[in-house]
Amino acid sequence: MSEQPPAGGAAEPTELAPATPEFAPMWGPEPEALGVEVEPTGHPGVDAALGLLGRLDGVPTTEHAAVYENVQQSLSTILGSLDDSLTAP
């Protein structure tokens, strides 16, 4: 028994339609580098984590989330260790 498209409807397309000119800029090449500089904080761990953000220029935007998550985790760990050192006897 073969499946039929719903009444009044067509089968789902198997290929994506080509980009229309109005959407082409949205899917164009990766954005240009912003060149944002990160100033040193004086804490080696924080500076190393923030240095990762400075290297995002030229990295495809699809890979940015992983870098942001890595930096966030590193900074959270550093902050947690600072709290631990303040509460230690």
PDB file of N, CA and C in Angstrom:
ATOM      1  N   MET A   1       0.847  -1.173   0.000  1.00  0.00           N
ATOM      2  CA  MET A   1       0.000   0.000   0.000  1.00  0.00           C
ATOM      3  C   MET A   1       0.892   1.235   0.000  1.00  0.00           C
ATOM      4  N   SER A   2       0.726   2.104  -0.960  1.00  0.00           N
ATOM      5  CA  SER A   2       1.562   3.300  -1.050  1.00  0.00           C
ATOM      6  C   SER A   2       0.860   4.474  -0.386  1.00  0.00           C
ATOM      7  N   GLU A   3       1.705   5.353   0.207  1.00  0.00           N
ATOM      8  CA  GLU A   3       1.139   6.534   0.843  1.00  0.00           C
ATOM      9  C   GLU A   3       0.842   7.579  -0.208  1.00  0.00           C
ATOM     10  N   GLN A   4      -0.232   8.272  -0.017  1.00  0.00           N
ATOM     11  CA  GLN A   4      -0.639   9.310  -0.952  1.00  0.00           C
ATOM     12  C   GLN A   4      -0.600  10.648  -0.227  1.00  0.00           C
ATOM     13  N   PRO A   5      -0.336  11.722  -0.953  1.00  0.00           N
ATOM     14  CA  PRO A   5      -0.353  13.031  -0.308  1.00  0.00           C
ATOM     15  C   PRO A   5      -1.758  13.344   0.195  1.00  0.00           C
ATOM     16  N   PRO A   6      -1.873  14.161   1.239  1.00  0.00           N
ATOM     17  CA  PRO A   6      -3.183  14.517   1.741  1.00  0.00           C
ATOM     18  C   PRO A   6      -4.018  15.192   0.658  1.00  0.00           C
ATOM     19  N   ALA A   7      -5.314  15.051   0.757  1.00  0.00           N
ATOM     20  CA  ALA A   7      -6.206  15.657  -0.232  1.00  0.00           C
ATOM     21  C   ALA A   7      -5.970  17.153  -0.297  1.00  0.00           C
ATOM     22  N   GLY A   8      -5.848  17.661  -1.497  1.00  0.00           N
ATOM     23  CA  GLY A   8      -5.643  19.092  -1.693  1.00  0.00           C
ATOM     24  C   GLY A   8      -4.214  19.525  -1.446  1.00  0.00           C
ATOM     25  N   GLY A   9      -3.337  18.623  -1.110  1.00  0.00           N
ATOM     26  CA  GLY A   9      -1.952  18.987  -0.833  1.00  0.00           C
ATOM     27  C   GLY A   9      -1.014  18.258  -1.761  1.00  0.00           C
ATOM     28  N   ALA A  10       0.215  18.673  -1.726  1.00  0.00           N
ATOM     29  CA  ALA A  10       1.225  18.045  -2.573  1.00  0.00           C
ATOM     30  C   ALA A  10       2.205  17.303  -1.683  1.00  0.00           C
ATOM     31  N   ALA A  11       2.922  16.420  -2.279  1.00  0.00           N
ATOM     32  CA  ALA A  11       3.964  15.697  -1.544  1.00  0.00           C
ATOM     33  C   ALA A  11       5.026  16.686  -1.098  1.00  0.00           C
ATOM     34  N   GLU A  12       5.724  16.346  -0.021  1.00  0.00           N
ATOM     35  CA  GLU A  12       6.775  17.231   0.461  1.00  0.00           C
ATOM     36  C   GLU A  12       7.900  17.306  -0.551  1.00  0.00           C
ATOM     37  N   PRO A  13       8.478  18.508  -0.738  1.00  0.00           N
ATOM     38  CA  PRO A  13       9.583  18.638  -1.690  1.00  0.00           C
ATOM     39  C   PRO A  13      10.810  17.902  -1.179  1.00  0.00           C
ATOM     40  N   THR A  14      11.590  17.389  -2.094  1.00  0.00           N
ATOM     41  CA  THR A  14      12.798  16.670  -1.700  1.00  0.00           C
ATOM     42  C   THR A  14      14.028  17.557  -1.778  1.00  0.00           C
ATOM     43  N   GLU A  15      13.931  18.720  -2.399  1.00  0.00           N
ATOM     44  CA  GLU A  15      15.048  19.643  -2.505  1.00  0.00           C
ATOM     45  C   GLU A  15      14.620  21.018  -2.037  1.00  0.00           C
ATOM     46  N   LEU A  16      15.580  21.782  -1.503  1.00  0.00           N
ATOM     47  CA  LEU A  16      15.290  23.144  -1.102  1.00  0.00           C
ATOM     48  C   LEU A  16      15.287  24.039  -2.326  1.00  0.00           C
ATOM     49  N   ALA A  17      14.405  24.992  -2.321  1.00  0.00           N
ATOM     50  CA  ALA A  17      14.361  25.956  -3.423  1.00  0.00           C
ATOM     51  C   ALA A  17      15.599  26.836  -3.343  1.00  0.00           C
ATOM     52  N   PRO A  18      16.081  27.321  -4.469  1.00  0.00           N
ATOM     53  CA  PRO A  18      17.243  28.210  -4.435  1.00  0.00           C
ATOM     54  C   PRO A  18      16.909  29.486  -3.672  1.00  0.00           C
ATOM     55  N   ALA A  19      17.926  30.081  -3.068  1.00  0.00           N
ATOM     56  CA  ALA A  19      17.725  31.305  -2.299  1.00  0.00           C
ATOM     57  C   ALA A  19      17.226  32.420  -3.198  1.00  0.00           C
ATOM     58  N   THR A  20      16.256  33.154  -2.714  1.00  0.00           N
ATOM     59  CA  THR A  20      15.766  34.303  -3.467  1.00  0.00           C
ATOM     60  C   THR A  20      16.642  35.491  -3.135  1.00  0.00           C
ATOM     61  N   PRO A  21      16.703  36.492  -3.999  1.00  0.00           N
ATOM     62  CA  PRO A  21      17.579  37.640  -3.746  1.00  0.00           C
ATOM     63  C   PRO A  21      17.317  38.316  -2.402  1.00  0.00           C
ATOM     64  N   GLU A  22      16.065  38.341  -1.942  1.00  0.00           N
ATOM     65  CA  GLU A  22      15.783  39.004  -0.673  1.00  0.00           C
ATOM     66  C   GLU A  22      16.383  38.274   0.519  1.00  0.00           C
ATOM     67  N   PHE A  23      16.625  36.963   0.405  1.00  0.00           N
ATOM     68  CA  PHE A  23      17.205  36.204   1.496  1.00  0.00           C
ATOM     69  C   PHE A  23      18.686  35.910   1.283  1.00  0.00           C
ATOM     70  N   ALA A  24      19.201  36.188   0.137  1.00  0.00           N
ATOM     71  CA  ALA A  24      20.592  35.873  -0.171  1.00  0.00           C
ATOM     72  C   ALA A  24      21.580  36.501   0.812  1.00  0.00           C
ATOM     73  N   PRO A  25      21.422  37.784   1.208  1.00  0.00           N
ATOM     74  CA  PRO A  25      22.388  38.353   2.144  1.00  0.00           C
ATOM     75  C   PRO A  25      22.401  37.629   3.487  1.00  0.00           C
ATOM     76  N   MET A  26      21.265  37.089   3.890  1.00  0.00           N
ATOM     77  CA  MET A  26      21.193  36.406   5.162  1.00  0.00           C
ATOM     78  C   MET A  26      22.034  35.134   5.150  1.00  0.00           C
ATOM     79  N   TRP A  27      22.180  34.509   4.019  1.00  0.00           N
ATOM     80  CA  TRP A  27      22.903  33.248   3.916  1.00  0.00           C
ATOM     81  C   TRP A  27      24.214  33.420   3.165  1.00  0.00           C
ATOM     82  N   GLY A  28      24.684  34.642   3.071  1.00  0.00           N
ATOM     83  CA  GLY A  28      25.906  34.920   2.338  1.00  0.00           C
ATOM     84  C   GLY A  28      27.137  34.468   3.100  1.00  0.00           C
ATOM     85  N   PRO A  29      28.288  34.977   2.743  1.00  0.00           N
ATOM     86  CA  PRO A  29      29.536  34.573   3.403  1.00  0.00           C
ATOM     87  C   PRO A  29      29.522  34.969   4.875  1.00  0.00           C
ATOM     88  N   GLU A  30      30.437  34.393   5.622  1.00  0.00           N
ATOM     89  CA  GLU A  30      30.538  34.689   7.050  1.00  0.00           C
ATOM     90  C   GLU A  30      30.789  36.186   7.248  1.00  0.00           C
ATOM     91  N   PRO A  31      30.334  36.737   8.376  1.00  0.00           N
ATOM     92  CA  PRO A  31      30.550  38.164   8.625  1.00  0.00           C
ATOM     93  C   PRO A  31      32.029  38.489   8.766  1.00  0.00           C
ATOM     94  N   GLU A  32      32.330  39.745   8.560  1.00  0.00           N
ATOM     95  CA  GLU A  32      33.720  40.186   8.688  1.00  0.00           C
ATOM     96  C   GLU A  32      34.129  40.194  10.158  1.00  0.00           C
ATOM     97  N   ALA A  33      35.419  40.087  10.381  1.00  0.00           N
ATOM     98  CA  ALA A  33      35.947  40.112  11.739  1.00  0.00           C
ATOM     99  C   ALA A  33      35.649  41.464  12.388  1.00  0.00           C
ATOM    100  N   LEU A  34      35.260  41.442  13.663  1.00  0.00           N
ATOM    101  CA  LEU A  34      34.962  42.676  14.376  1.00  0.00           C
ATOM    102  C   LEU A  34      36.219  43.330  14.924  1.00  0.00           C
ATOM    103  N   GLY A  35      37.215  42.519  15.209  1.00  0.00           N
ATOM    104  CA  GLY A  35      38.471  43.066  15.721  1.00  0.00           C
ATOM    105  C   GLY A  35      38.355  43.622  17.132  1.00  0.00           C
ATOM    106  N   VAL A  36      37.450  43.078  17.933  1.00  0.00           N
ATOM    107  CA  VAL A  36      37.288  43.533  19.308  1.00  0.00           C
ATOM    108  C   VAL A  36      38.459  43.022  20.136  1.00  0.00           C
ATOM    109  N   GLU A  37      39.093  43.930  20.859  1.00  0.00           N
ATOM    110  CA  GLU A  37      40.224  43.537  21.694  1.00  0.00           C
ATOM    111  C   GLU A  37      39.758  43.313  23.126  1.00  0.00           C
ATOM    112  N   VAL A  38      40.299  42.285  23.758  1.00  0.00           N
ATOM    113  CA  VAL A  38      39.988  41.974  25.144  1.00  0.00           C
ATOM    114  C   VAL A  38      41.154  42.441  25.995  1.00  0.00           C
ATOM    115  N   GLU A  39      40.862  43.313  26.961  1.00  0.00           N
ATOM    116  CA  GLU A  39      41.921  43.831  27.821  1.00  0.00           C
ATOM    117  C   GLU A  39      42.237  42.825  28.926  1.00  0.00           C
ATOM    118  N   PRO A  40      43.504  42.703  29.299  1.00  0.00           N
ATOM    119  CA  PRO A  40      43.886  41.768  30.362  1.00  0.00           C
ATOM    120  C   PRO A  40      43.242  42.163  31.695  1.00  0.00           C
ATOM    121  N   THR A  41      42.878  41.146  32.462  1.00  0.00           N
ATOM    122  CA  THR A  41      42.264  41.377  33.771  1.00  0.00           C
ATOM    123  C   THR A  41      43.268  41.265  34.896  1.00  0.00           C
ATOM    124  N   GLY A  42      44.392  40.600  34.615  1.00  0.00           N
ATOM    125  CA  GLY A  42      45.383  40.361  35.660  1.00  0.00           C
ATOM    126  C   GLY A  42      45.261  38.976  36.280  1.00  0.00           C
ATOM    127  N   HIS A  43      44.198  38.277  35.973  1.00  0.00           N
ATOM    128  CA  HIS A  43      44.023  36.896  36.462  1.00  0.00           C
ATOM    129  C   HIS A  43      44.316  35.971  35.290  1.00  0.00           C
ATOM    130  N   PRO A  44      45.340  35.129  35.391  1.00  0.00           N
ATOM    131  CA  PRO A  44      45.743  34.297  34.251  1.00  0.00           C
ATOM    132  C   PRO A  44      44.628  33.405  33.701  1.00  0.00           C
ATOM    133  N   GLY A  45      43.831  32.805  34.575  1.00  0.00           N
ATOM    134  CA  GLY A  45      42.752  31.933  34.114  1.00  0.00           C
ATOM    135  C   GLY A  45      41.668  32.692  33.374  1.00  0.00           C
ATOM    136  N   VAL A  46      41.308  33.851  33.898  1.00  0.00           N
ATOM    137  CA  VAL A  46      40.284  34.687  33.250  1.00  0.00           C
ATOM    138  C   VAL A  46      40.821  35.191  31.920  1.00  0.00           C
ATOM    139  N   ASP A  47      42.063  35.638  31.909  1.00  0.00           N
ATOM    140  CA  ASP A  47      42.654  36.136  30.664  1.00  0.00           C
ATOM    141  C   ASP A  47      42.704  35.044  29.592  1.00  0.00           C
ATOM    142  N   ALA A  48      43.021  33.830  30.004  1.00  0.00           N
ATOM    143  CA  ALA A  48      43.067  32.716  29.042  1.00  0.00           C
ATOM    144  C   ALA A  48      41.677  32.438  28.478  1.00  0.00           C
ATOM    145  N   ALA A  49      40.669  32.453  29.354  1.00  0.00           N
ATOM    146  CA  ALA A  49      39.303  32.189  28.898  1.00  0.00           C
ATOM    147  C   ALA A  49      38.831  33.292  27.951  1.00  0.00           C
ATOM    148  N   LEU A  50      39.073  34.534  28.328  1.00  0.00           N
ATOM    149  CA  LEU A  50      38.654  35.646  27.472  1.00  0.00           C
ATOM    150  C   LEU A  50      39.456  35.684  26.174  1.00  0.00           C
ATOM    151  N   GLY A  51      40.673  35.178  26.211  1.00  0.00           N
ATOM    152  CA  GLY A  51      41.481  35.110  24.987  1.00  0.00           C
ATOM    153  C   GLY A  51      40.832  34.242  23.923  1.00  0.00           C
ATOM    154  N   LEU A  52      40.077  33.242  24.369  1.00  0.00           N
ATOM    155  CA  LEU A  52      39.361  32.398  23.409  1.00  0.00           C
ATOM    156  C   LEU A  52      38.341  33.215  22.619  1.00  0.00           C
ATOM    157  N   LEU A  53      37.727  34.203  23.266  1.00  0.00           N
ATOM    158  CA  LEU A  53      36.757  35.047  22.568  1.00  0.00           C
ATOM    159  C   LEU A  53      37.435  35.875  21.475  1.00  0.00           C
ATOM    160  N   GLY A  54      38.655  36.301  21.745  1.00  0.00           N
ATOM    161  CA  GLY A  54      39.395  37.093  20.773  1.00  0.00           C
ATOM    162  C   GLY A  54      39.754  36.302  19.528  1.00  0.00           C
ATOM    163  N   ARG A  55      39.744  34.981  19.645  1.00  0.00           N
ATOM    164  CA  ARG A  55      40.092  34.141  18.495  1.00  0.00           C
ATOM    165  C   ARG A  55      38.875  33.742  17.669  1.00  0.00           C
ATOM    166  N   LEU A  56      37.701  34.284  18.001  1.00  0.00           N
ATOM    167  CA  LEU A  56      36.498  33.928  17.244  1.00  0.00           C
ATOM    168  C   LEU A  56      36.479  34.561  15.857  1.00  0.00           C
ATOM    169  N   ASP A  57      37.206  35.663  15.686  1.00  0.00           N
ATOM    170  CA  ASP A  57      37.262  36.273  14.357  1.00  0.00           C
ATOM    171  C   ASP A  57      37.803  35.259  13.368  1.00  0.00           C
ATOM    172  N   GLY A  58      37.079  35.054  12.303  1.00  0.00           N
ATOM    173  CA  GLY A  58      37.500  34.116  11.274  1.00  0.00           C
ATOM    174  C   GLY A  58      36.995  32.706  11.493  1.00  0.00           C
ATOM    175  N   VAL A  59      36.378  32.446  12.656  1.00  0.00           N
ATOM    176  CA  VAL A  59      35.808  31.127  12.929  1.00  0.00           C
ATOM    177  C   VAL A  59      34.352  31.160  12.463  1.00  0.00           C
ATOM    178  N   PRO A  60      33.887  30.140  11.771  1.00  0.00           N
ATOM    179  CA  PRO A  60      32.485  30.145  11.325  1.00  0.00           C
ATOM    180  C   PRO A  60      31.530  30.326  12.503  1.00  0.00           C
ATOM    181  N   THR A  61      30.496  31.113  12.293  1.00  0.00           N
ATOM    182  CA  THR A  61      29.561  31.410  13.372  1.00  0.00           C
ATOM    183  C   THR A  61      28.894  30.156  13.924  1.00  0.00           C
ATOM    184  N   THR A  62      28.821  29.110  13.136  1.00  0.00           N
ATOM    185  CA  THR A  62      28.224  27.868  13.626  1.00  0.00           C
ATOM    186  C   THR A  62      29.050  27.248  14.747  1.00  0.00           C
ATOM    187  N   GLU A  63      30.297  27.650  14.877  1.00  0.00           N
ATOM    188  CA  GLU A  63      31.176  27.103  15.915  1.00  0.00           C
ATOM    189  C   GLU A  63      31.297  28.019  17.129  1.00  0.00           C
ATOM    190  N   HIS A  64      30.674  29.199  17.082  1.00  0.00           N
ATOM    191  CA  HIS A  64      30.787  30.155  18.176  1.00  0.00           C
ATOM    192  C   HIS A  64      30.164  29.637  19.465  1.00  0.00           C
ATOM    193  N   ALA A  65      29.017  28.976  19.386  1.00  0.00           N
ATOM    194  CA  ALA A  65      28.315  28.527  20.592  1.00  0.00           C
ATOM    195  C   ALA A  65      29.210  27.636  21.454  1.00  0.00           C
ATOM    196  N   ALA A  66      29.942  26.750  20.828  1.00  0.00           N
ATOM    197  CA  ALA A  66      30.822  25.849  21.584  1.00  0.00           C
ATOM    198  C   ALA A  66      31.911  26.643  22.313  1.00  0.00           C
ATOM    199  N   VAL A  67      32.426  27.677  21.672  1.00  0.00           N
ATOM    200  CA  VAL A  67      33.454  28.504  22.307  1.00  0.00           C
ATOM    201  C   VAL A  67      32.839  29.276  23.475  1.00  0.00           C
ATOM    202  N   TYR A  68      31.644  29.857  23.270  1.00  0.00           N
ATOM    203  CA  TYR A  68      30.978  30.587  24.349  1.00  0.00           C
ATOM    204  C   TYR A  68      30.721  29.670  25.548  1.00  0.00           C
ATOM    205  N   GLU A  69      30.283  28.458  25.285  1.00  0.00           N
ATOM    206  CA  GLU A  69      30.026  27.509  26.373  1.00  0.00           C
ATOM    207  C   GLU A  69      31.315  27.172  27.119  1.00  0.00           C
ATOM    208  N   ASN A  70      32.400  26.990  26.382  1.00  0.00           N
ATOM    209  CA  ASN A  70      33.695  26.690  26.987  1.00  0.00           C
ATOM    210  C   ASN A  70      34.150  27.843  27.882  1.00  0.00           C
ATOM    211  N   VAL A  71      34.031  29.072  27.376  1.00  0.00           N
ATOM    212  CA  VAL A  71      34.440  30.251  28.139  1.00  0.00           C
ATOM    213  C   VAL A  71      33.566  30.389  29.384  1.00  0.00           C
ATOM    214  N   GLN A  72      32.267  30.198  29.233  1.00  0.00           N
ATOM    215  CA  GLN A  72      31.352  30.317  30.368  1.00  0.00           C
ATOM    216  C   GLN A  72      31.693  29.287  31.441  1.00  0.00           C
ATOM    217  N   GLN A  73      31.973  28.070  31.021  1.00  0.00           N
ATOM    218  CA  GLN A  73      32.330  27.021  31.987  1.00  0.00           C
ATOM    219  C   GLN A  73      33.631  27.356  32.691  1.00  0.00           C
ATOM    220  N   SER A  74      34.604  27.839  31.952  1.00  0.00           N
ATOM    221  CA  SER A  74      35.893  28.205  32.557  1.00  0.00           C
ATOM    222  C   SER A  74      35.722  29.323  33.573  1.00  0.00           C
ATOM    223  N   LEU A  75      34.966  30.356  33.210  1.00  0.00           N
ATOM    224  CA  LEU A  75      34.759  31.475  34.128  1.00  0.00           C
ATOM    225  C   LEU A  75      33.964  31.046  35.360  1.00  0.00           C
ATOM    226  N   SER A  76      32.989  30.170  35.186  1.00  0.00           N
ATOM    227  CA  SER A  76      32.216  29.660  36.330  1.00  0.00           C
ATOM    228  C   SER A  76      33.114  28.879  37.283  1.00  0.00           C
ATOM    229  N   THR A  77      33.998  28.069  36.728  1.00  0.00           N
ATOM    230  CA  THR A  77      34.929  27.292  37.552  1.00  0.00           C
ATOM    231  C   THR A  77      35.863  28.220  38.321  1.00  0.00           C
ATOM    232  N   ILE A  78      36.360  29.248  37.655  1.00  0.00           N
ATOM    233  CA  ILE A  78      37.262  30.203  38.305  1.00  0.00           C
ATOM    234  C   ILE A  78      36.527  30.924  39.430  1.00  0.00           C
ATOM    235  N   LEU A  79      35.315  31.377  39.163  1.00  0.00           N
ATOM    236  CA  LEU A  79      34.547  32.066  40.207  1.00  0.00           C
ATOM    237  C   LEU A  79      34.259  31.137  41.383  1.00  0.00           C
ATOM    238  N   GLY A  80      33.942  29.887  41.090  1.00  0.00           N
ATOM    239  CA  GLY A  80      33.700  28.915  42.153  1.00  0.00           C
ATOM    240  C   GLY A  80      34.930  28.697  43.010  1.00  0.00           C
ATOM    241  N   SER A  81      36.101  28.643  42.383  1.00  0.00           N
ATOM    242  CA  SER A  81      37.334  28.441  43.146  1.00  0.00           C
ATOM    243  C   SER A  81      37.656  29.671  43.997  1.00  0.00           C
ATOM    244  N   LEU A  82      37.295  30.855  43.519  1.00  0.00           N
ATOM    245  CA  LEU A  82      37.508  32.051  44.326  1.00  0.00           C
ATOM    246  C   LEU A  82      36.613  32.021  45.567  1.00  0.00           C
ATOM    247  N   ASP A  83      35.367  31.588  45.382  1.00  0.00           N
ATOM    248  CA  ASP A  83      34.456  31.451  46.527  1.00  0.00           C
ATOM    249  C   ASP A  83      35.000  30.449  47.525  1.00  0.00           C
ATOM    250  N   ASP A  84      35.520  29.312  47.021  1.00  0.00           N
ATOM    251  CA  ASP A  84      36.054  28.269  47.892  1.00  0.00           C
ATOM    252  C   ASP A  84      37.243  28.784  48.706  1.00  0.00           C
ATOM    253  N   SER A  85      38.099  29.593  48.077  1.00  0.00           N
ATOM    254  CA  SER A  85      39.286  30.081  48.780  1.00  0.00           C
ATOM    255  C   SER A  85      38.903  31.124  49.836  1.00  0.00           C
ATOM    256  N   LEU A  86      37.784  31.822  49.636  1.00  0.00           N
ATOM    257  CA  LEU A  86      37.336  32.806  50.624  1.00  0.00           C
ATOM    258  C   LEU A  86      36.680  32.149  51.846  1.00  0.00           C
ATOM    259  N   THR A  87      36.050  30.988  51.646  1.00  0.00           N
ATOM    260  CA  THR A  87      35.343  30.330  52.740  1.00  0.00           C
ATOM    261  C   THR A  87      36.229  29.304  53.465  1.00  0.00           C
ATOM    262  N   ALA A  88      37.412  29.032  52.934  1.00  0.00           N
ATOM    263  CA  ALA A  88      38.307  28.047  53.574  1.00  0.00           C
ATOM    264  C   ALA A  88      38.882  28.655  54.857  1.00  0.00           C
ATOM    265  N   PRO A  89      39.004  27.844  55.950  1.00  0.00           N
ATOM    266  CA  PRO A  89      39.547  28.369  57.220  1.00  0.00           C
ATOM    267  C   PRO A  89      41.014  28.694  57.157  1.00  0.00           C
TER     268      PRO A  89
END
